[in-house]
Each structure stands twice: as structure tokens, then as C-alpha cells.
């Protein structure tokens, strides 16, 4: 595999993994996967912590790649998806059940650590950053590098304030 193809694969892996993580969270939200019966306070659904950890790692990797991409843009289409894909994970995570309250099913969105209006602002910013990156790859890559940590912190803080 050439260095260019490896770089492209790495760039495209960020939105691919983040979209997969968002899909996992969405499946939890709508009840397609995961069972909440028998869970006690602090337990989590199988795989949920791993998915959240991988998503967090990909957001940090994406921020680093976006900095590199700003100096020499070679795939703005991939980088343009970083922030929106991370925001998709953040939004779906916001609506999953908070393990602190098991066996009761209370979502992070039900008076959790982040208000819904903040989630919507970060989502809107992420979409705008994606559009900016498509139009102006260098500036958009810098904006992506700043936005991804914001999305990461926001998604991490959704569980605070039990």
C-alpha cells in the first residue's frame, strides 16, 4: 500500500468509525441492541464503554489529522466529515440511558450534565465546520481541529450532574 493510500485510509477511518459508533448508540437508543434488564446502578450495556472509548480516541486522532491536513490538504471530503460524524455520536449518546440510574431507564438528556440547547449548538457548529472544510480546506481543517475536542468534552460531560 502506498503512503498516499495509507494516508487516505487513515483519514477516511475517522468518520467511518465515528459513524459506526453513532450507529451503535442509535441502536441502543431505539432498543435494537442491548438489554437493560438486570442491570444495576453503574452497570453498562455490553460494548458501550468500548465504543465510547474508541469514539473518543478517534476524535483526538481526527483533531491531530486535521492539523496535519491544514498544512497540506489532500482529502477535504474526508476531513469535512470529521466534525459532523463526531457530532452524530455526541447526539446519539445524549439520548442513551444513563447507567447511574439503572434499573430505572433515564436518559442522559433527562436533566444530565449538558442541556439540550448546548448539544444543538455544538451540532450546528459541527455541521458548519464540515461545510467550511469542503469549501475552504485549510481553514476548515483548523476549525475541525478545534471543534473535535469541543465535541469530545461535550459528549463526555453528558453524564455529569446526576
Foldseek 3Di string as FASTA:
>chain_A
DDPVVVLVVLLQVLLVLLLVLLVVLLCQLVVVDFDLPPAAAPDDTPPNVVSLVVNLVSLLVLLVVLQVCLVPPDCLLSNLSNLLSLLSNLVSQQRHAQSNDPPDGDGLQNQFQDDPVVSVVLNVQSNVLSVCCVVPVNVSSNSSSVSSVVSSVSSVRSHHDD
